[in-house]
Amino acid sequence: MSETKDWGGHVDIVSASIGLSIDPAYRQGVVENFTRIATVAQAFLGFPLDDEAEPAPRFEP
């Protein structure tokens, strides 16, 4: 990731804003998961799309 994000602060603020209490024993794991999710998301967010790009058609098995 090119920028450093305070995921611990993010987890604290968002969980408090939605009334979700995170057990202190699990907080570090939640923060680590947010860090991983952000790292994976960068591959998608960094992919350039043309303004004319259209979404894929809906898949129906």
C-alpha atoms as a PDB file:
ATOM      1  CA  MET A   1       0.000   0.000   0.000  1.00  0.00           C
ATOM      2  CA  SER A   2       1.320   3.393  -0.882  1.00  0.00           C
ATOM      3  CA  GLU A   3      -0.174   5.235   2.087  1.00  0.00           C
ATOM      4  CA  THR A   4      -0.195   4.325   5.754  1.00  0.00           C
ATOM      5  CA  LYS A   5      -3.619   4.222   7.372  1.00  0.00           C
ATOM      6  CA  ASP A   6      -4.371   4.070  11.074  1.00  0.00           C
ATOM      7  CA  TRP A   7      -6.650   1.043  10.879  1.00  0.00           C
ATOM      8  CA  GLY A   8      -6.762   0.763  14.653  1.00  0.00           C
ATOM      9  CA  GLY A   9      -8.252   4.233  14.898  1.00  0.00           C
ATOM     10  CA  HIS A  10     -10.594   3.460  12.021  1.00  0.00           C
ATOM     11  CA  VAL A  11     -11.839   0.292  13.721  1.00  0.00           C
ATOM     12  CA  ASP A  12     -12.383   2.174  17.004  1.00  0.00           C
ATOM     13  CA  ILE A  13     -14.278   5.078  15.425  1.00  0.00           C
ATOM     14  CA  VAL A  14     -16.465   3.029  13.095  1.00  0.00           C
ATOM     15  CA  SER A  15     -17.304   0.360  15.661  1.00  0.00           C
ATOM     16  CA  ALA A  16     -18.282   3.056  18.171  1.00  0.00           C
ATOM     17  CA  SER A  17     -20.389   4.894  15.585  1.00  0.00           C
ATOM     18  CA  ILE A  18     -22.474   1.784  14.871  1.00  0.00           C
ATOM     19  CA  GLY A  19     -22.633   0.621  18.495  1.00  0.00           C
ATOM     20  CA  LEU A  20     -20.454  -2.447  17.959  1.00  0.00           C
ATOM     21  CA  SER A  21     -18.267  -3.430  20.881  1.00  0.00           C
ATOM     22  CA  ILE A  22     -15.147  -5.376  19.954  1.00  0.00           C
ATOM     23  CA  ASP A  23     -13.662  -7.525  22.688  1.00  0.00           C
ATOM     24  CA  PRO A  24     -10.100  -6.321  23.349  1.00  0.00           C
ATOM     25  CA  ALA A  25      -8.902  -9.910  22.855  1.00  0.00           C
ATOM     26  CA  TYR A  26     -10.082  -9.733  19.213  1.00  0.00           C
ATOM     27  CA  ARG A  27      -9.328  -6.109  18.348  1.00  0.00           C
ATOM     28  CA  GLN A  28      -5.816  -6.712  17.030  1.00  0.00           C
ATOM     29  CA  GLY A  29      -7.115  -9.444  14.725  1.00  0.00           C
ATOM     30  CA  VAL A  30      -9.808  -7.116  13.401  1.00  0.00           C
ATOM     31  CA  VAL A  31      -7.199  -4.424  12.725  1.00  0.00           C
ATOM     32  CA  GLU A  32      -4.943  -6.959  10.961  1.00  0.00           C
ATOM     33  CA  ASN A  33      -7.849  -8.068   8.763  1.00  0.00           C
ATOM     34  CA  PHE A  34      -8.645  -4.478   7.773  1.00  0.00           C
ATOM     35  CA  THR A  35      -4.978  -4.025   6.843  1.00  0.00           C
ATOM     36  CA  ARG A  36      -5.091  -7.156   4.653  1.00  0.00           C
ATOM     37  CA  ILE A  37      -8.371  -6.129   3.032  1.00  0.00           C
ATOM     38  CA  ALA A  38      -6.944  -2.698   2.185  1.00  0.00           C
ATOM     39  CA  THR A  39      -3.841  -4.279   0.662  1.00  0.00           C
ATOM     40  CA  VAL A  40      -5.904  -6.583  -1.562  1.00  0.00           C
ATOM     41  CA  ALA A  41      -8.281  -3.742  -2.508  1.00  0.00           C
ATOM     42  CA  GLN A  42      -5.389  -1.659  -3.850  1.00  0.00           C
ATOM     43  CA  ALA A  43      -5.021  -4.078  -6.776  1.00  0.00           C
ATOM     44  CA  PHE A  44      -8.600  -3.313  -7.814  1.00  0.00           C
ATOM     45  CA  LEU A  45      -8.684   0.374  -6.944  1.00  0.00           C
ATOM     46  CA  GLY A  46      -5.481   0.992  -8.864  1.00  0.00           C
ATOM     47  CA  PHE A  47      -6.754  -0.639 -12.065  1.00  0.00           C
ATOM     48  CA  PRO A  48      -7.434   2.046 -14.671  1.00  0.00           C
ATOM     49  CA  LEU A  49     -10.840   2.069 -16.355  1.00  0.00           C
ATOM     50  CA  ASP A  50     -11.873   4.096 -19.369  1.00  0.00           C
ATOM     51  CA  ASP A  51     -14.822   6.427 -19.021  1.00  0.00           C
ATOM     52  CA  GLU A  52     -16.575   4.303 -21.651  1.00  0.00           C
ATOM     53  CA  ALA A  53     -16.094   1.041 -19.731  1.00  0.00           C
ATOM     54  CA  GLU A  54     -19.362  -0.774 -19.121  1.00  0.00           C
ATOM     55  CA  PRO A  55     -20.156  -3.301 -16.408  1.00  0.00           C
ATOM     56  CA  ALA A  56     -20.220  -6.959 -17.279  1.00  0.00           C
ATOM     57  CA  PRO A  57     -23.609  -8.440 -18.082  1.00  0.00           C
ATOM     58  CA  ARG A  58     -25.468 -10.109 -15.267  1.00  0.00           C
ATOM     59  CA  PHE A  59     -24.592 -13.774 -14.855  1.00  0.00           C
ATOM     60  CA  GLU A  60     -27.514 -16.126 -14.448  1.00  0.00           C
ATOM     61  CA  PRO A  61     -26.689 -19.841 -14.177  1.00  0.00           C
END
